[in-house]
Amino acid sequence: MTGLYDKLFEAWERESSTVDIQTLPESFYAEMGEYASKLRGQTRMLEKGSMKRRISEKEKENAEQMLEDLARIRLRKILNTELEGKTVEASSLTPEERKLQAELKRILREHSEWVKNILMGYPTRIGVESKASRFKVVRFMEPLPAIIGIDMKTYGPFQPEDVASLPAENAENLIRRGIAKEIVVPE
């Protein structure tokens, strides 16, 4: 298991010594989960008080600490990048981190909307997420063929002046590109 320990150490060392998030293999966390599980099993199987068990316990402690630290450093980098309005390249992230990043984006969008509503004098509702808050109503400015939403449903096709309710992330993308404009619907 020395190879996995070395792989973890190298990833932790690279991440600890750089500002930008480093690329990890897609299967990194899955491999490390298996490694941690094997270390726990190996340690339990060894005779208490033996030198092999003490070495195994130390390897387990170090590996767990590095993995926790690595995950925390990467989370901090992802969060800071998103807070700065930038985006971490998806290719640098593992599948677990891509899911986390999408959730962070959603939370930050909700926070931004909450602040915008406060500034506009609208009442705020903390902790209440309605179906409406996950969707936006838009008016199309130009034609658009059918799209697959982030909820994996098909929307469209659309013609100029069509109005539709779309998942917020899809709607915001179309708004940024000038294809649609948001219609604010009072609650």
C-alpha atoms as a PDB file:
ATOM      1  CA  MET A   1       0.000   0.000   0.000  1.00  0.00           C
ATOM      2  CA  THR A   2       3.064   2.215  -0.066  1.00  0.00           C
ATOM      3  CA  GLY A   3       2.173   3.284  -3.623  1.00  0.00           C
ATOM      4  CA  LEU A   4      -1.164   4.696  -2.483  1.00  0.00           C
ATOM      5  CA  TYR A   5       0.443   6.443   0.473  1.00  0.00           C
ATOM      6  CA  ASP A   6       2.947   8.047  -1.918  1.00  0.00           C
ATOM      7  CA  LYS A   7       0.139   9.059  -4.288  1.00  0.00           C
ATOM      8  CA  LEU A   8      -1.748  10.689  -1.405  1.00  0.00           C
ATOM      9  CA  PHE A   9       1.367  12.407  -0.087  1.00  0.00           C
ATOM     10  CA  GLU A  10       2.244  13.815  -3.525  1.00  0.00           C
ATOM     11  CA  ALA A  11      -1.303  15.137  -4.025  1.00  0.00           C
ATOM     12  CA  TRP A  12      -1.354  16.675  -0.537  1.00  0.00           C
ATOM     13  CA  GLU A  13       2.102  18.235  -0.998  1.00  0.00           C
ATOM     14  CA  ARG A  14       1.212  19.716  -4.425  1.00  0.00           C
ATOM     15  CA  GLU A  15      -2.080  21.112  -3.138  1.00  0.00           C
ATOM     16  CA  SER A  16      -0.498  22.525   0.029  1.00  0.00           C
ATOM     17  CA  SER A  17       2.248  24.345  -1.832  1.00  0.00           C
ATOM     18  CA  THR A  18       0.231  25.997  -4.637  1.00  0.00           C
ATOM     19  CA  VAL A  19      -2.397  28.714  -4.909  1.00  0.00           C
ATOM     20  CA  ASP A  20      -4.413  27.165  -7.751  1.00  0.00           C
ATOM     21  CA  ILE A  21      -6.269  23.909  -7.389  1.00  0.00           C
ATOM     22  CA  GLN A  22      -4.328  20.976  -8.777  1.00  0.00           C
ATOM     23  CA  THR A  23      -5.774  18.298 -11.025  1.00  0.00           C
ATOM     24  CA  LEU A  24      -6.623  14.985  -9.390  1.00  0.00           C
ATOM     25  CA  PRO A  25      -7.520  11.768 -11.197  1.00  0.00           C
ATOM     26  CA  GLU A  26     -11.266  11.081 -11.513  1.00  0.00           C
ATOM     27  CA  SER A  27     -11.009   8.056  -9.238  1.00  0.00           C
ATOM     28  CA  PHE A  28      -8.770   9.678  -6.596  1.00  0.00           C
ATOM     29  CA  TYR A  29     -11.250   9.779  -3.705  1.00  0.00           C
ATOM     30  CA  ALA A  30     -12.609   6.311  -4.497  1.00  0.00           C
ATOM     31  CA  GLU A  31      -9.061   4.921  -4.420  1.00  0.00           C
ATOM     32  CA  MET A  32      -8.292   6.749  -1.200  1.00  0.00           C
ATOM     33  CA  GLY A  33     -11.506   5.457   0.380  1.00  0.00           C
ATOM     34  CA  GLU A  34     -10.489   1.887  -0.458  1.00  0.00           C
ATOM     35  CA  TYR A  35      -6.978   2.595   0.838  1.00  0.00           C
ATOM     36  CA  ALA A  36      -8.298   3.955   4.155  1.00  0.00           C
ATOM     37  CA  SER A  37     -10.595   0.950   4.512  1.00  0.00           C
ATOM     38  CA  LYS A  38      -7.729  -1.480   3.867  1.00  0.00           C
ATOM     39  CA  LEU A  39      -5.551   0.327   6.399  1.00  0.00           C
ATOM     40  CA  ARG A  40      -8.245   0.035   9.064  1.00  0.00           C
ATOM     41  CA  GLY A  41      -8.691  -3.668   8.319  1.00  0.00           C
ATOM     42  CA  GLN A  42      -4.964  -4.307   8.217  1.00  0.00           C
ATOM     43  CA  THR A  43      -4.431  -2.570  11.547  1.00  0.00           C
ATOM     44  CA  ARG A  44      -7.184  -4.590  13.239  1.00  0.00           C
ATOM     45  CA  MET A  45      -5.708  -7.854  11.963  1.00  0.00           C
ATOM     46  CA  LEU A  46      -2.245  -7.248  13.407  1.00  0.00           C
ATOM     47  CA  GLU A  47      -1.292  -8.296  16.915  1.00  0.00           C
ATOM     48  CA  LYS A  48      -1.763  -5.567  19.520  1.00  0.00           C
ATOM     49  CA  GLY A  49       1.489  -3.995  20.643  1.00  0.00           C
ATOM     50  CA  SER A  50       3.475  -5.422  17.744  1.00  0.00           C
ATOM     51  CA  MET A  51       5.846  -3.221  15.763  1.00  0.00           C
ATOM     52  CA  LYS A  52       3.899  -3.959  12.546  1.00  0.00           C
ATOM     53  CA  ARG A  53       0.659  -2.791  14.185  1.00  0.00           C
ATOM     54  CA  ARG A  54       2.254   0.434  15.467  1.00  0.00           C
ATOM     55  CA  ILE A  55       3.643   1.152  11.994  1.00  0.00           C
ATOM     56  CA  SER A  56       0.276   0.376  10.416  1.00  0.00           C
ATOM     57  CA  GLU A  57      -1.526   2.627  12.929  1.00  0.00           C
ATOM     58  CA  LYS A  58       0.889   5.470  12.206  1.00  0.00           C
ATOM     59  CA  GLU A  59       0.413   5.066   8.449  1.00  0.00           C
ATOM     60  CA  LYS A  60      -3.371   5.087   8.987  1.00  0.00           C
ATOM     61  CA  GLU A  61      -3.208   8.247  11.150  1.00  0.00           C
ATOM     62  CA  ASN A  62      -0.967  10.066   8.668  1.00  0.00           C
ATOM     63  CA  ALA A  63      -3.046   9.023   5.663  1.00  0.00           C
ATOM     64  CA  GLU A  64      -6.316  10.062   7.315  1.00  0.00           C
ATOM     65  CA  GLN A  65      -4.847  13.425   8.358  1.00  0.00           C
ATOM     66  CA  MET A  66      -3.460  14.109   4.873  1.00  0.00           C
ATOM     67  CA  LEU A  67      -6.722  13.128   3.200  1.00  0.00           C
ATOM     68  CA  GLU A  68      -8.787  15.355   5.505  1.00  0.00           C
ATOM     69  CA  ASP A  69      -6.337  18.224   5.023  1.00  0.00           C
ATOM     70  CA  LEU A  70      -6.254  17.757   1.249  1.00  0.00           C
ATOM     71  CA  ALA A  71     -10.068  17.781   1.022  1.00  0.00           C
ATOM     72  CA  ARG A  72     -10.255  20.889   3.258  1.00  0.00           C
ATOM     73  CA  ILE A  73      -7.612  22.765   1.218  1.00  0.00           C
ATOM     74  CA  ARG A  74      -9.374  21.902  -2.046  1.00  0.00           C
ATOM     75  CA  LEU A  75     -12.763  22.951  -0.632  1.00  0.00           C
ATOM     76  CA  ARG A  76     -11.283  26.264   0.474  1.00  0.00           C
ATOM     77  CA  LYS A  77      -9.790  26.832  -2.997  1.00  0.00           C
ATOM     78  CA  ILE A  78     -13.072  25.980  -4.731  1.00  0.00           C
ATOM     79  CA  LEU A  79     -15.065  28.222  -2.401  1.00  0.00           C
ATOM     80  CA  ASN A  80     -12.643  31.154  -2.671  1.00  0.00           C
ATOM     81  CA  THR A  81     -12.597  30.900  -6.457  1.00  0.00           C
ATOM     82  CA  GLU A  82     -16.401  30.867  -6.613  1.00  0.00           C
ATOM     83  CA  LEU A  83     -16.633  33.800  -4.170  1.00  0.00           C
ATOM     84  CA  GLU A  84     -14.300  35.767  -6.450  1.00  0.00           C
ATOM     85  CA  GLY A  85     -16.748  35.160  -9.299  1.00  0.00           C
ATOM     86  CA  LYS A  86     -14.340  32.873 -11.119  1.00  0.00           C
ATOM     87  CA  THR A  87     -14.815  29.205 -11.931  1.00  0.00           C
ATOM     88  CA  VAL A  88     -12.532  26.284 -11.244  1.00  0.00           C
ATOM     89  CA  GLU A  89     -11.963  24.248 -14.384  1.00  0.00           C
ATOM     90  CA  ALA A  90     -14.125  21.139 -14.122  1.00  0.00           C
ATOM     91  CA  SER A  91     -11.263  19.036 -15.497  1.00  0.00           C
ATOM     92  CA  SER A  92      -9.250  19.829 -12.338  1.00  0.00           C
ATOM     93  CA  LEU A  93     -11.987  18.454 -10.090  1.00  0.00           C
ATOM     94  CA  THR A  94     -13.070  14.961  -9.182  1.00  0.00           C
ATOM     95  CA  PRO A  95     -16.720  13.986  -9.778  1.00  0.00           C
ATOM     96  CA  GLU A  96     -17.442  14.492  -6.072  1.00  0.00           C
ATOM     97  CA  GLU A  97     -15.953  17.985  -6.188  1.00  0.00           C
ATOM     98  CA  ARG A  98     -17.864  18.889  -9.362  1.00  0.00           C
ATOM     99  CA  LYS A  99     -21.095  18.032  -7.562  1.00  0.00           C
ATOM    100  CA  LEU A 100     -19.975  20.098  -4.579  1.00  0.00           C
ATOM    101  CA  GLN A 101     -19.065  23.006  -6.870  1.00  0.00           C
ATOM    102  CA  ALA A 102     -22.513  22.931  -8.494  1.00  0.00           C
ATOM    103  CA  GLU A 103     -24.139  23.007  -5.058  1.00  0.00           C
ATOM    104  CA  LEU A 104     -21.880  25.892  -3.969  1.00  0.00           C
ATOM    105  CA  LYS A 105     -22.868  27.830  -7.093  1.00  0.00           C
ATOM    106  CA  ARG A 106     -26.517  27.268  -6.266  1.00  0.00           C
ATOM    107  CA  ILE A 107     -26.037  28.449  -2.691  1.00  0.00           C
ATOM    108  CA  LEU A 108     -24.078  31.523  -3.786  1.00  0.00           C
ATOM    109  CA  ARG A 109     -26.775  32.340  -6.382  1.00  0.00           C
ATOM    110  CA  GLU A 110     -29.431  32.091  -3.688  1.00  0.00           C
ATOM    111  CA  HIS A 111     -27.366  34.332  -1.430  1.00  0.00           C
ATOM    112  CA  SER A 112     -27.008  36.880  -4.221  1.00  0.00           C
ATOM    113  CA  GLU A 113     -30.764  36.798  -4.877  1.00  0.00           C
ATOM    114  CA  TRP A 114     -31.430  37.165  -1.153  1.00  0.00           C
ATOM    115  CA  VAL A 115     -29.186  40.244  -0.965  1.00  0.00           C
ATOM    116  CA  LYS A 116     -30.763  41.662  -4.145  1.00  0.00           C
ATOM    117  CA  ASN A 117     -34.227  41.196  -2.648  1.00  0.00           C
ATOM    118  CA  ILE A 118     -33.176  42.960   0.546  1.00  0.00           C
ATOM    119  CA  LEU A 119     -31.827  45.881  -1.471  1.00  0.00           C
ATOM    120  CA  MET A 120     -35.074  46.031  -3.481  1.00  0.00           C
ATOM    121  CA  GLY A 121     -37.085  46.070  -0.263  1.00  0.00           C
ATOM    122  CA  TYR A 122     -38.697  42.685  -0.825  1.00  0.00           C
ATOM    123  CA  PRO A 123     -39.437  40.470   2.172  1.00  0.00           C
ATOM    124  CA  THR A 124     -36.945  37.672   2.673  1.00  0.00           C
ATOM    125  CA  ARG A 125     -37.583  34.081   3.576  1.00  0.00           C
ATOM    126  CA  ILE A 126     -34.621  32.281   5.034  1.00  0.00           C
ATOM    127  CA  GLY A 127     -34.516  28.517   4.753  1.00  0.00           C
ATOM    128  CA  VAL A 128     -37.642  28.280   2.616  1.00  0.00           C
ATOM    129  CA  GLU A 129     -36.967  27.029  -0.857  1.00  0.00           C
ATOM    130  CA  SER A 130     -39.970  26.849  -3.089  1.00  0.00           C
ATOM    131  CA  LYS A 131     -40.172  25.212  -6.466  1.00  0.00           C
ATOM    132  CA  ALA A 132     -40.364  28.715  -7.924  1.00  0.00           C
ATOM    133  CA  SER A 133     -36.932  29.624  -6.529  1.00  0.00           C
ATOM    134  CA  ARG A 134     -35.373  26.784  -8.514  1.00  0.00           C
ATOM    135  CA  PHE A 135     -36.943  28.081 -11.754  1.00  0.00           C
ATOM    136  CA  LYS A 136     -36.926  31.395 -13.573  1.00  0.00           C
ATOM    137  CA  VAL A 137     -39.437  32.740 -16.047  1.00  0.00           C
ATOM    138  CA  VAL A 138     -37.822  34.085 -19.202  1.00  0.00           C
ATOM    139  CA  ARG A 139     -38.885  35.716 -22.475  1.00  0.00           C
ATOM    140  CA  PHE A 140     -36.928  34.610 -25.515  1.00  0.00           C
ATOM    141  CA  MET A 141     -35.275  37.261 -27.650  1.00  0.00           C
ATOM    142  CA  GLU A 142     -34.225  34.894 -30.447  1.00  0.00           C
ATOM    143  CA  PRO A 143     -35.061  31.387 -31.629  1.00  0.00           C
ATOM    144  CA  LEU A 144     -33.606  28.473 -29.715  1.00  0.00           C
ATOM    145  CA  PRO A 145     -33.834  24.759 -30.493  1.00  0.00           C
ATOM    146  CA  ALA A 146     -34.939  22.368 -27.759  1.00  0.00           C
ATOM    147  CA  ILE A 147     -32.510  22.101 -24.841  1.00  0.00           C
ATOM    148  CA  ILE A 148     -31.983  19.578 -22.074  1.00  0.00           C
ATOM    149  CA  GLY A 149     -32.254  21.289 -18.687  1.00  0.00           C
ATOM    150  CA  ILE A 150     -30.065  20.524 -15.698  1.00  0.00           C
ATOM    151  CA  ASP A 151     -33.015  18.495 -14.437  1.00  0.00           C
ATOM    152  CA  MET A 152     -32.625  16.314 -17.576  1.00  0.00           C
ATOM    153  CA  LYS A 153     -36.025  17.436 -18.973  1.00  0.00           C
ATOM    154  CA  THR A 154     -36.458  18.771 -22.504  1.00  0.00           C
ATOM    155  CA  TYR A 155     -37.479  22.413 -22.915  1.00  0.00           C
ATOM    156  CA  GLY A 156     -38.398  24.081 -26.192  1.00  0.00           C
ATOM    157  CA  PRO A 157     -37.922  24.714 -29.022  1.00  0.00           C
ATOM    158  CA  PHE A 158     -38.529  28.440 -28.549  1.00  0.00           C
ATOM    159  CA  GLN A 159     -39.285  31.369 -30.842  1.00  0.00           C
ATOM    160  CA  PRO A 160     -38.774  35.095 -30.119  1.00  0.00           C
ATOM    161  CA  GLU A 161     -41.313  36.389 -27.580  1.00  0.00           C
ATOM    162  CA  ASP A 162     -42.038  32.888 -26.201  1.00  0.00           C
ATOM    163  CA  VAL A 163     -42.222  32.798 -22.396  1.00  0.00           C
ATOM    164  CA  ALA A 164     -41.126  29.765 -20.403  1.00  0.00           C
ATOM    165  CA  SER A 165     -40.230  28.654 -16.905  1.00  0.00           C
ATOM    166  CA  LEU A 166     -36.772  27.028 -16.926  1.00  0.00           C
ATOM    167  CA  PRO A 167     -34.415  25.682 -14.267  1.00  0.00           C
ATOM    168  CA  ALA A 168     -32.635  28.723 -12.824  1.00  0.00           C
ATOM    169  CA  GLU A 169     -29.160  27.632 -13.947  1.00  0.00           C
ATOM    170  CA  ASN A 170     -30.291  27.138 -17.556  1.00  0.00           C
ATOM    171  CA  ALA A 171     -32.240  30.402 -17.520  1.00  0.00           C
ATOM    172  CA  GLU A 172     -29.262  32.362 -16.182  1.00  0.00           C
ATOM    173  CA  ASN A 173     -27.023  30.926 -18.885  1.00  0.00           C
ATOM    174  CA  LEU A 174     -29.477  32.007 -21.610  1.00  0.00           C
ATOM    175  CA  ILE A 175     -29.836  35.447 -20.016  1.00  0.00           C
ATOM    176  CA  ARG A 176     -26.034  35.930 -19.926  1.00  0.00           C
ATOM    177  CA  ARG A 177     -25.845  34.990 -23.605  1.00  0.00           C
ATOM    178  CA  GLY A 178     -28.589  37.485 -24.525  1.00  0.00           C
ATOM    179  CA  ILE A 179     -30.894  34.761 -25.814  1.00  0.00           C
ATOM    180  CA  ALA A 180     -33.548  35.425 -23.151  1.00  0.00           C
ATOM    181  CA  LYS A 181     -34.535  38.049 -20.593  1.00  0.00           C
ATOM    182  CA  GLU A 182     -35.811  37.319 -17.106  1.00  0.00           C
ATOM    183  CA  ILE A 183     -39.382  38.160 -16.249  1.00  0.00           C
ATOM    184  CA  VAL A 184     -39.771  38.893 -12.545  1.00  0.00           C
ATOM    185  CA  VAL A 185     -42.918  37.222 -11.267  1.00  0.00           C
ATOM    186  CA  PRO A 186     -44.189  38.583  -7.924  1.00  0.00           C
ATOM    187  CA  GLU A 187     -44.829  35.891  -5.322  1.00  0.00           C
END
